[in-house]
Amino acid sequence: MNNNDFIGIQQDTEAWKNFTKLAFGVAMTFSIVGLWFLPLDWWLKGYVFITYFFTLGTVITMTKTMRDEHETKKLVKRLNELRAEKMIKDYELAG
């Protein structure tokens, strides 16, 4: 049992990590190519481009924040379980 098993951290496989990176790259490429060929003036393309990347950045930040919150709640729950188990064990030894 390693430390990650102890606190319940799930590890992704390399195949999954590679797939998500590839999917992100394909989505970004097609979005940029699609924006490039839109029949718009350059300044309007620039505005859409900037808002696209701002939205993308905030989605990444929000996802990371939500994941961190979830992991923290899992850790706190596990620590509380261990604390309760220790209290029960101490009570049984004292009685």
PDB file of N, CA and C in Angstrom:
ATOM      1  N   MET A   1       0.847  -1.186   0.000  1.00  0.00           N
ATOM      2  CA  MET A   1       0.000   0.000   0.000  1.00  0.00           C
ATOM      3  C   MET A   1       0.887   1.242   0.000  1.00  0.00           C
ATOM      4  N   ASN A   2       0.700   2.107  -0.996  1.00  0.00           N
ATOM      5  CA  ASN A   2       1.479   3.343  -1.017  1.00  0.00           C
ATOM      6  C   ASN A   2       0.642   4.492  -0.452  1.00  0.00           C
ATOM      7  N   ASN A   3       1.244   5.661  -0.320  1.00  0.00           N
ATOM      8  CA  ASN A   3       0.544   6.805   0.281  1.00  0.00           C
ATOM      9  C   ASN A   3      -0.680   7.229  -0.502  1.00  0.00           C
ATOM     10  N   ASN A   4      -0.642   7.117  -1.835  1.00  0.00           N
ATOM     11  CA  ASN A   4      -1.795   7.514  -2.646  1.00  0.00           C
ATOM     12  C   ASN A   4      -2.987   6.603  -2.398  1.00  0.00           C
ATOM     13  N   ASP A   5      -2.738   5.305  -2.165  1.00  0.00           N
ATOM     14  CA  ASP A   5      -3.826   4.390  -1.834  1.00  0.00           C
ATOM     15  C   ASP A   5      -4.416   4.746  -0.474  1.00  0.00           C
ATOM     16  N   PHE A   6      -3.571   5.138   0.444  1.00  0.00           N
ATOM     17  CA  PHE A   6      -3.993   5.443   1.804  1.00  0.00           C
ATOM     18  C   PHE A   6      -4.986   6.603   1.850  1.00  0.00           C
ATOM     19  N   ILE A   7      -4.710   7.651   1.106  1.00  0.00           N
ATOM     20  CA  ILE A   7      -5.608   8.811   1.154  1.00  0.00           C
ATOM     21  C   ILE A   7      -6.631   8.805   0.026  1.00  0.00           C
ATOM     22  N   GLY A   8      -6.639   7.776  -0.804  1.00  0.00           N
ATOM     23  CA  GLY A   8      -7.685   7.619  -1.804  1.00  0.00           C
ATOM     24  C   GLY A   8      -7.522   8.458  -3.053  1.00  0.00           C
ATOM     25  N   ILE A   9      -6.297   8.733  -3.453  1.00  0.00           N
ATOM     26  CA  ILE A   9      -6.068   9.519  -4.664  1.00  0.00           C
ATOM     27  C   ILE A   9      -6.060   8.583  -5.866  1.00  0.00           C
ATOM     28  N   GLN A  10      -6.895   8.891  -6.836  1.00  0.00           N
ATOM     29  CA  GLN A  10      -6.956   8.082  -8.050  1.00  0.00           C
ATOM     30  C   GLN A  10      -5.927   8.600  -9.039  1.00  0.00           C
ATOM     31  N   GLN A  11      -5.158   7.685  -9.609  1.00  0.00           N
ATOM     32  CA  GLN A  11      -4.148   8.067 -10.582  1.00  0.00           C
ATOM     33  C   GLN A  11      -4.627   7.699 -11.981  1.00  0.00           C
ATOM     34  N   ASP A  12      -4.522   8.629 -12.911  1.00  0.00           N
ATOM     35  CA  ASP A  12      -4.928   8.378 -14.292  1.00  0.00           C
ATOM     36  C   ASP A  12      -3.833   7.618 -15.021  1.00  0.00           C
ATOM     37  N   THR A  13      -4.239   6.816 -16.002  1.00  0.00           N
ATOM     38  CA  THR A  13      -3.260   6.068 -16.805  1.00  0.00           C
ATOM     39  C   THR A  13      -2.608   7.008 -17.817  1.00  0.00           C
ATOM     40  N   GLU A  14      -1.469   6.597 -18.311  1.00  0.00           N
ATOM     41  CA  GLU A  14      -0.765   7.387 -19.328  1.00  0.00           C
ATOM     42  C   GLU A  14      -1.604   7.495 -20.600  1.00  0.00           C
ATOM     43  N   ALA A  15      -2.324   6.419 -20.940  1.00  0.00           N
ATOM     44  CA  ALA A  15      -3.166   6.449 -22.139  1.00  0.00           C
ATOM     45  C   ALA A  15      -4.240   7.526 -22.012  1.00  0.00           C
ATOM     46  N   TRP A  16      -4.852   7.639 -20.836  1.00  0.00           N
ATOM     47  CA  TRP A  16      -5.885   8.658 -20.635  1.00  0.00           C
ATOM     48  C   TRP A  16      -5.288  10.063 -20.716  1.00  0.00           C
ATOM     49  N   LYS A  17      -4.144  10.247 -20.087  1.00  0.00           N
ATOM     50  CA  LYS A  17      -3.480  11.556 -20.129  1.00  0.00           C
ATOM     51  C   LYS A  17      -3.151  11.946 -21.568  1.00  0.00           C
ATOM     52  N   ASN A  18      -2.627  10.985 -22.331  1.00  0.00           N
ATOM     53  CA  ASN A  18      -2.284  11.262 -23.734  1.00  0.00           C
ATOM     54  C   ASN A  18      -3.535  11.568 -24.554  1.00  0.00           C
ATOM     55  N   PHE A  19      -4.612  10.828 -24.310  1.00  0.00           N
ATOM     56  CA  PHE A  19      -5.859  11.079 -25.025  1.00  0.00           C
ATOM     57  C   PHE A  19      -6.387  12.482 -24.744  1.00  0.00           C
ATOM     58  N   THR A  20      -6.381  12.901 -23.483  1.00  0.00           N
ATOM     59  CA  THR A  20      -6.899  14.235 -23.157  1.00  0.00           C
ATOM     60  C   THR A  20      -6.039  15.333 -23.779  1.00  0.00           C
ATOM     61  N   LYS A  21      -4.731  15.136 -23.807  1.00  0.00           N
ATOM     62  CA  LYS A  21      -3.848  16.124 -24.432  1.00  0.00           C
ATOM     63  C   LYS A  21      -4.092  16.196 -25.933  1.00  0.00           C
ATOM     64  N   LEU A  22      -4.249  15.034 -26.559  1.00  0.00           N
ATOM     65  CA  LEU A  22      -4.524  14.989 -27.996  1.00  0.00           C
ATOM     66  C   LEU A  22      -5.873  15.648 -28.309  1.00  0.00           C
ATOM     67  N   ALA A  23      -6.890  15.328 -27.528  1.00  0.00           N
ATOM     68  CA  ALA A  23      -8.216  15.909 -27.752  1.00  0.00           C
ATOM     69  C   ALA A  23      -8.172  17.428 -27.588  1.00  0.00           C
ATOM     70  N   PHE A  24      -7.449  17.898 -26.587  1.00  0.00           N
ATOM     71  CA  PHE A  24      -7.311  19.343 -26.379  1.00  0.00           C
ATOM     72  C   PHE A  24      -6.622  19.984 -27.582  1.00  0.00           C
ATOM     73  N   GLY A  25      -5.540  19.369 -28.048  1.00  0.00           N
ATOM     74  CA  GLY A  25      -4.810  19.911 -29.189  1.00  0.00           C
ATOM     75  C   GLY A  25      -5.658  19.944 -30.458  1.00  0.00           C
ATOM     76  N   VAL A  26      -6.418  18.887 -30.704  1.00  0.00           N
ATOM     77  CA  VAL A  26      -7.284  18.849 -31.882  1.00  0.00           C
ATOM     78  C   VAL A  26      -8.364  19.920 -31.787  1.00  0.00           C
ATOM     79  N   ALA A  27      -8.979  20.038 -30.616  1.00  0.00           N
ATOM     80  CA  ALA A  27     -10.032  21.046 -30.439  1.00  0.00           C
ATOM     81  C   ALA A  27      -9.488  22.456 -30.636  1.00  0.00           C
ATOM     82  N   MET A  28      -8.317  22.728 -30.076  1.00  0.00           N
ATOM     83  CA  MET A  28      -7.712  24.054 -30.236  1.00  0.00           C
ATOM     84  C   MET A  28      -7.373  24.322 -31.701  1.00  0.00           C
ATOM     85  N   THR A  29      -6.804  23.335 -32.362  1.00  0.00           N
ATOM     86  CA  THR A  29      -6.422  23.506 -33.767  1.00  0.00           C
ATOM     87  C   THR A  29      -7.637  23.805 -34.637  1.00  0.00           C
ATOM     88  N   PHE A  30      -8.684  22.998 -34.494  1.00  0.00           N
ATOM     89  CA  PHE A  30      -9.877  23.221 -35.307  1.00  0.00           C
ATOM     90  C   PHE A  30     -10.558  24.549 -34.972  1.00  0.00           C
ATOM     91  N   SER A  31     -10.527  24.944 -33.715  1.00  0.00           N
ATOM     92  CA  SER A  31     -11.122  26.231 -33.349  1.00  0.00           C
ATOM     93  C   SER A  31     -10.363  27.390 -33.988  1.00  0.00           C
ATOM     94  N   ILE A  32      -9.036  27.336 -33.928  1.00  0.00           N
ATOM     95  CA  ILE A  32      -8.222  28.417 -34.506  1.00  0.00           C
ATOM     96  C   ILE A  32      -8.364  28.448 -36.029  1.00  0.00           C
ATOM     97  N   VAL A  33      -8.338  27.270 -36.659  1.00  0.00           N
ATOM     98  CA  VAL A  33      -8.495  27.214 -38.118  1.00  0.00           C
ATOM     99  C   VAL A  33      -9.885  27.731 -38.513  1.00  0.00           C
ATOM    100  N   GLY A  34     -10.905  27.319 -37.763  1.00  0.00           N
ATOM    101  CA  GLY A  34     -12.262  27.792 -38.050  1.00  0.00           C
ATOM    102  C   GLY A  34     -12.376  29.289 -37.900  1.00  0.00           C
ATOM    103  N   LEU A  35     -11.761  29.825 -36.864  1.00  0.00           N
ATOM    104  CA  LEU A  35     -11.779  31.278 -36.660  1.00  0.00           C
ATOM    105  C   LEU A  35     -11.025  31.990 -37.778  1.00  0.00           C
ATOM    106  N   TRP A  36      -9.909  31.429 -38.208  1.00  0.00           N
ATOM    107  CA  TRP A  36      -9.106  32.039 -39.264  1.00  0.00           C
ATOM    108  C   TRP A  36      -9.901  32.188 -40.565  1.00  0.00           C
ATOM    109  N   PHE A  37     -10.714  31.183 -40.877  1.00  0.00           N
ATOM    110  CA  PHE A  37     -11.455  31.197 -42.129  1.00  0.00           C
ATOM    111  C   PHE A  37     -12.852  31.820 -42.027  1.00  0.00           C
ATOM    112  N   LEU A  38     -13.198  32.344 -40.876  1.00  0.00           N
ATOM    113  CA  LEU A  38     -14.476  33.038 -40.760  1.00  0.00           C
ATOM    114  C   LEU A  38     -14.459  34.289 -41.642  1.00  0.00           C
ATOM    115  N   PRO A  39     -15.543  34.559 -42.322  1.00  0.00           N
ATOM    116  CA  PRO A  39     -15.573  35.756 -43.183  1.00  0.00           C
ATOM    117  C   PRO A  39     -15.857  37.025 -42.369  1.00  0.00           C
ATOM    118  N   LEU A  40     -14.882  37.399 -41.525  1.00  0.00           N
ATOM    119  CA  LEU A  40     -15.016  38.582 -40.675  1.00  0.00           C
ATOM    120  C   LEU A  40     -13.808  39.491 -40.870  1.00  0.00           C
ATOM    121  N   ASP A  41     -13.960  40.746 -40.469  1.00  0.00           N
ATOM    122  CA  ASP A  41     -12.820  41.664 -40.474  1.00  0.00           C
ATOM    123  C   ASP A  41     -11.809  41.196 -39.437  1.00  0.00           C
ATOM    124  N   TRP A  42     -10.554  41.614 -39.584  1.00  0.00           N
ATOM    125  CA  TRP A  42      -9.481  41.177 -38.703  1.00  0.00           C
ATOM    126  C   TRP A  42      -9.727  41.580 -37.261  1.00  0.00           C
ATOM    127  N   TRP A  43     -10.291  42.786 -37.022  1.00  0.00           N
ATOM    128  CA  TRP A  43     -10.503  43.238 -35.650  1.00  0.00           C
ATOM    129  C   TRP A  43     -11.599  42.418 -34.968  1.00  0.00           C
ATOM    130  N   LEU A  44     -12.604  41.990 -35.715  1.00  0.00           N
ATOM    131  CA  LEU A  44     -13.662  41.160 -35.150  1.00  0.00           C
ATOM    132  C   LEU A  44     -13.137  39.753 -34.864  1.00  0.00           C
ATOM    133  N   LYS A  45     -12.294  39.237 -35.756  1.00  0.00           N
ATOM    134  CA  LYS A  45     -11.644  37.943 -35.498  1.00  0.00           C
ATOM    135  C   LYS A  45     -10.785  38.028 -34.235  1.00  0.00           C
ATOM    136  N   GLY A  46     -10.073  39.136 -34.080  1.00  0.00           N
ATOM    137  CA  GLY A  46      -9.249  39.336 -32.889  1.00  0.00           C
ATOM    138  C   GLY A  46     -10.082  39.337 -31.620  1.00  0.00           C
ATOM    139  N   TYR A  47     -11.231  39.995 -31.664  1.00  0.00           N
ATOM    140  CA  TYR A  47     -12.123  40.036 -30.500  1.00  0.00           C
ATOM    141  C   TYR A  47     -12.622  38.630 -30.160  1.00  0.00           C
ATOM    142  N   VAL A  48     -13.060  37.885 -31.155  1.00  0.00           N
ATOM    143  CA  VAL A  48     -13.546  36.524 -30.931  1.00  0.00           C
ATOM    144  C   VAL A  48     -12.407  35.649 -30.407  1.00  0.00           C
ATOM    145  N   PHE A  49     -11.224  35.809 -30.957  1.00  0.00           N
ATOM    146  CA  PHE A  49     -10.053  35.047 -30.538  1.00  0.00           C
ATOM    147  C   PHE A  49      -9.725  35.298 -29.067  1.00  0.00           C
ATOM    148  N   ILE A  50      -9.714  36.564 -28.672  1.00  0.00           N
ATOM    149  CA  ILE A  50      -9.405  36.919 -27.282  1.00  0.00           C
ATOM    150  C   ILE A  50     -10.470  36.385 -26.331  1.00  0.00           C
ATOM    151  N   THR A  51     -11.745  36.544 -26.678  1.00  0.00           N
ATOM    152  CA  THR A  51     -12.805  36.047 -25.797  1.00  0.00           C
ATOM    153  C   THR A  51     -12.772  34.518 -25.716  1.00  0.00           C
ATOM    154  N   TYR A  52     -12.432  33.860 -26.817  1.00  0.00           N
ATOM    155  CA  TYR A  52     -12.311  32.398 -26.825  1.00  0.00           C
ATOM    156  C   TYR A  52     -11.235  31.953 -25.836  1.00  0.00           C
ATOM    157  N   PHE A  53     -10.071  32.570 -25.889  1.00  0.00           N
ATOM    158  CA  PHE A  53      -8.988  32.175 -24.993  1.00  0.00           C
ATOM    159  C   PHE A  53      -9.254  32.570 -23.544  1.00  0.00           C
ATOM    160  N   PHE A  54      -9.929  33.671 -23.328  1.00  0.00           N
ATOM    161  CA  PHE A  54     -10.295  34.056 -21.965  1.00  0.00           C
ATOM    162  C   PHE A  54     -11.272  33.036 -21.389  1.00  0.00           C
ATOM    163  N   THR A  55     -12.253  32.639 -22.170  1.00  0.00           N
ATOM    164  CA  THR A  55     -13.215  31.629 -21.726  1.00  0.00           C
ATOM    165  C   THR A  55     -12.511  30.302 -21.467  1.00  0.00           C
ATOM    166  N   LEU A  56     -11.626  29.908 -22.346  1.00  0.00           N
ATOM    167  CA  LEU A  56     -10.872  28.669 -22.171  1.00  0.00           C
ATOM    168  C   LEU A  56     -10.061  28.705 -20.875  1.00  0.00           C
ATOM    169  N   GLY A  57      -9.398  29.806 -20.616  1.00  0.00           N
ATOM    170  CA  GLY A  57      -8.610  29.941 -19.388  1.00  0.00           C
ATOM    171  C   GLY A  57      -9.457  29.856 -18.137  1.00  0.00           C
ATOM    172  N   THR A  58     -10.628  30.490 -18.158  1.00  0.00           N
ATOM    173  CA  THR A  58     -11.485  30.451 -16.974  1.00  0.00           C
ATOM    174  C   THR A  58     -12.075  29.056 -16.773  1.00  0.00           C
ATOM    175  N   VAL A  59     -12.356  28.339 -17.841  1.00  0.00           N
ATOM    176  CA  VAL A  59     -12.855  26.963 -17.707  1.00  0.00           C
ATOM    177  C   VAL A  59     -11.781  26.077 -17.079  1.00  0.00           C
ATOM    178  N   ILE A  60     -10.549  26.225 -17.513  1.00  0.00           N
ATOM    179  CA  ILE A  60      -9.456  25.437 -16.935  1.00  0.00           C
ATOM    180  C   ILE A  60      -9.283  25.770 -15.456  1.00  0.00           C
ATOM    181  N   THR A  61      -9.319  27.049 -15.117  1.00  0.00           N
ATOM    182  CA  THR A  61      -9.183  27.467 -13.726  1.00  0.00           C
ATOM    183  C   THR A  61     -10.334  26.942 -12.876  1.00  0.00           C
ATOM    184  N   MET A  62     -11.551  27.039 -13.377  1.00  0.00           N
ATOM    185  CA  MET A  62     -12.712  26.566 -12.635  1.00  0.00           C
ATOM    186  C   MET A  62     -12.633  25.053 -12.422  1.00  0.00           C
ATOM    187  N   THR A  63     -12.235  24.311 -13.445  1.00  0.00           N
ATOM    188  CA  THR A  63     -12.121  22.864 -13.333  1.00  0.00           C
ATOM    189  C   THR A  63     -11.081  22.477 -12.293  1.00  0.00           C
ATOM    190  N   LYS A  64      -9.930  23.149 -12.308  1.00  0.00           N
ATOM    191  CA  LYS A  64      -8.879  22.867 -11.335  1.00  0.00           C
ATOM    192  C   LYS A  64      -9.347  23.178  -9.930  1.00  0.00           C
ATOM    193  N   THR A  65     -10.037  24.285  -9.747  1.00  0.00           N
ATOM    194  CA  THR A  65     -10.543  24.666  -8.438  1.00  0.00           C
ATOM    195  C   THR A  65     -11.547  23.644  -7.917  1.00  0.00           C
ATOM    196  N   MET A  66     -12.455  23.204  -8.779  1.00  0.00           N
ATOM    197  CA  MET A  66     -13.456  22.219  -8.368  1.00  0.00           C
ATOM    198  C   MET A  66     -12.790  20.882  -8.033  1.00  0.00           C
ATOM    199  N   ARG A  67     -11.792  20.493  -8.784  1.00  0.00           N
ATOM    200  CA  ARG A  67     -11.076  19.247  -8.508  1.00  0.00           C
ATOM    201  C   ARG A  67     -10.326  19.341  -7.184  1.00  0.00           C
ATOM    202  N   ASP A  68      -9.665  20.467  -6.935  1.00  0.00           N
ATOM    203  CA  ASP A  68      -8.957  20.650  -5.667  1.00  0.00           C
ATOM    204  C   ASP A  68      -9.923  20.583  -4.485  1.00  0.00           C
ATOM    205  N   GLU A  69     -11.077  21.207  -4.629  1.00  0.00           N
ATOM    206  CA  GLU A  69     -12.079  21.184  -3.556  1.00  0.00           C
ATOM    207  C   GLU A  69     -12.552  19.752  -3.289  1.00  0.00           C
ATOM    208  N   HIS A  70     -12.792  18.997  -4.354  1.00  0.00           N
ATOM    209  CA  HIS A  70     -13.226  17.610  -4.217  1.00  0.00           C
ATOM    210  C   HIS A  70     -12.159  16.770  -3.505  1.00  0.00           C
ATOM    211  N   GLU A  71     -10.909  16.923  -3.909  1.00  0.00           N
ATOM    212  CA  GLU A  71      -9.818  16.170  -3.292  1.00  0.00           C
ATOM    213  C   GLU A  71      -9.661  16.541  -1.817  1.00  0.00           C
ATOM    214  N   THR A  72      -9.826  17.818  -1.491  1.00  0.00           N
ATOM    215  CA  THR A  72      -9.727  18.252  -0.103  1.00  0.00           C
ATOM    216  C   THR A  72     -10.833  17.631   0.738  1.00  0.00           C
ATOM    217  N   LYS A  73     -12.054  17.622   0.215  1.00  0.00           N
ATOM    218  CA  LYS A  73     -13.169  17.019   0.955  1.00  0.00           C
ATOM    219  C   LYS A  73     -12.936  15.527   1.177  1.00  0.00           C
ATOM    220  N   LYS A  74     -12.395  14.827   0.160  1.00  0.00           N
ATOM    221  CA  LYS A  74     -12.090  13.404   0.321  1.00  0.00           C
ATOM    222  C   LYS A  74     -11.048  13.189   1.408  1.00  0.00           C
ATOM    223  N   LEU A  75     -10.017  14.030   1.421  1.00  0.00           N
ATOM    224  CA  LEU A  75      -8.952  13.897   2.409  1.00  0.00           C
ATOM    225  C   LEU A  75      -9.478  14.171   3.813  1.00  0.00           C
ATOM    226  N   VAL A  76     -10.258  15.222   3.964  1.00  0.00           N
ATOM    227  CA  VAL A  76     -10.820  15.557   5.279  1.00  0.00           C
ATOM    228  C   VAL A  76     -11.728  14.433   5.769  1.00  0.00           C
ATOM    229  N   LYS A  77     -12.535  13.878   4.884  1.00  0.00           N
ATOM    230  CA  LYS A  77     -13.409  12.770   5.253  1.00  0.00           C
ATOM    231  C   LYS A  77     -12.589  11.577   5.726  1.00  0.00           C
ATOM    232  N   ARG A  78     -11.540  11.243   5.002  1.00  0.00           N
ATOM    233  CA  ARG A  78     -10.698  10.101   5.380  1.00  0.00           C
ATOM    234  C   ARG A  78     -10.001  10.361   6.710  1.00  0.00           C
ATOM    235  N   LEU A  79      -9.516  11.567   6.919  1.00  0.00           N
ATOM    236  CA  LEU A  79      -8.872  11.887   8.199  1.00  0.00           C
ATOM    237  C   LEU A  79      -9.861  11.799   9.357  1.00  0.00           C
ATOM    238  N   ASN A  80     -11.085  12.244   9.139  1.00  0.00           N
ATOM    239  CA  ASN A  80     -12.108  12.132  10.181  1.00  0.00           C
ATOM    240  C   ASN A  80     -12.427  10.673  10.481  1.00  0.00           C
ATOM    241  N   GLU A  81     -12.468   9.838   9.446  1.00  0.00           N
ATOM    242  CA  GLU A  81     -12.695   8.405   9.651  1.00  0.00           C
ATOM    243  C   GLU A  81     -11.565   7.793  10.472  1.00  0.00           C
ATOM    244  N   LEU A  82     -10.339   8.144  10.149  1.00  0.00           N
ATOM    245  CA  LEU A  82      -9.194   7.619  10.899  1.00  0.00           C
ATOM    246  C   LEU A  82      -9.210   8.100  12.340  1.00  0.00           C
ATOM    247  N   ARG A  83      -9.579   9.350  12.550  1.00  0.00           N
ATOM    248  CA  ARG A  83      -9.662   9.900  13.903  1.00  0.00           C
ATOM    249  C   ARG A  83     -10.722   9.156  14.719  1.00  0.00           C
ATOM    250  N   ALA A  84     -11.858   8.879  14.090  1.00  0.00           N
ATOM    251  CA  ALA A  84     -12.925   8.149  14.775  1.00  0.00           C
ATOM    252  C   ALA A  84     -12.480   6.724  15.095  1.00  0.00           C
ATOM    253  N   GLU A  85     -11.798   6.072  14.145  1.00  0.00           N
ATOM    254  CA  GLU A  85     -11.295   4.727  14.394  1.00  0.00           C
ATOM    255  C   GLU A  85     -10.313   4.711  15.552  1.00  0.00           C
ATOM    256  N   LYS A  86      -9.454   5.720  15.618  1.00  0.00           N
ATOM    257  CA  LYS A  86      -8.472   5.800  16.711  1.00  0.00           C
ATOM    258  C   LYS A  86      -9.184   6.004  18.038  1.00  0.00           C
ATOM    259  N   MET A  87     -10.201   6.857  18.066  1.00  0.00           N
ATOM    260  CA  MET A  87     -10.943   7.097  19.304  1.00  0.00           C
ATOM    261  C   MET A  87     -11.629   5.818  19.777  1.00  0.00           C
ATOM    262  N   ILE A  88     -12.201   5.065  18.860  1.00  0.00           N
ATOM    263  CA  ILE A  88     -12.867   3.805  19.216  1.00  0.00           C
ATOM    264  C   ILE A  88     -11.846   2.808  19.749  1.00  0.00           C
ATOM    265  N   LYS A  89     -10.699   2.717  19.084  1.00  0.00           N
ATOM    266  CA  LYS A  89      -9.659   1.796  19.520  1.00  0.00           C
ATOM    267  C   LYS A  89      -9.144   2.193  20.898  1.00  0.00           C
ATOM    268  N   ASP A  90      -8.923   3.486  21.147  1.00  0.00           N
ATOM    269  CA  ASP A  90      -8.469   3.953  22.462  1.00  0.00           C
ATOM    270  C   ASP A  90      -9.517   3.664  23.524  1.00  0.00           C
ATOM    271  N   TYR A  91     -10.782   3.822  23.197  1.00  0.00           N
ATOM    272  CA  TYR A  91     -11.865   3.564  24.146  1.00  0.00           C
ATOM    273  C   TYR A  91     -11.910   2.082  24.506  1.00  0.00           C
ATOM    274  N   GLU A  92     -11.734   1.218  23.479  1.00  0.00           N
ATOM    275  CA  GLU A  92     -11.765  -0.223  23.724  1.00  0.00           C
ATOM    276  C   GLU A  92     -10.582  -0.655  24.578  1.00  0.00           C
ATOM    277  N   LEU A  93      -9.417  -0.056  24.376  1.00  0.00           N
ATOM    278  CA  LEU A  93      -8.236  -0.400  25.172  1.00  0.00           C
ATOM    279  C   LEU A  93      -8.377   0.082  26.615  1.00  0.00           C
ATOM    280  N   ALA A  94      -9.052   1.196  26.817  1.00  0.00           N
ATOM    281  CA  ALA A  94      -9.215   1.749  28.161  1.00  0.00           C
ATOM    282  C   ALA A  94     -10.276   0.978  28.953  1.00  0.00           C
ATOM    283  N   GLY A  95     -11.242   0.386  28.245  1.00  0.00           N
ATOM    284  CA  GLY A  95     -12.371  -0.262  28.925  1.00  0.00           C
ATOM    285  C   GLY A  95     -12.179  -1.656  29.187  1.00  0.00           C
TER     286      GLY A  95
END
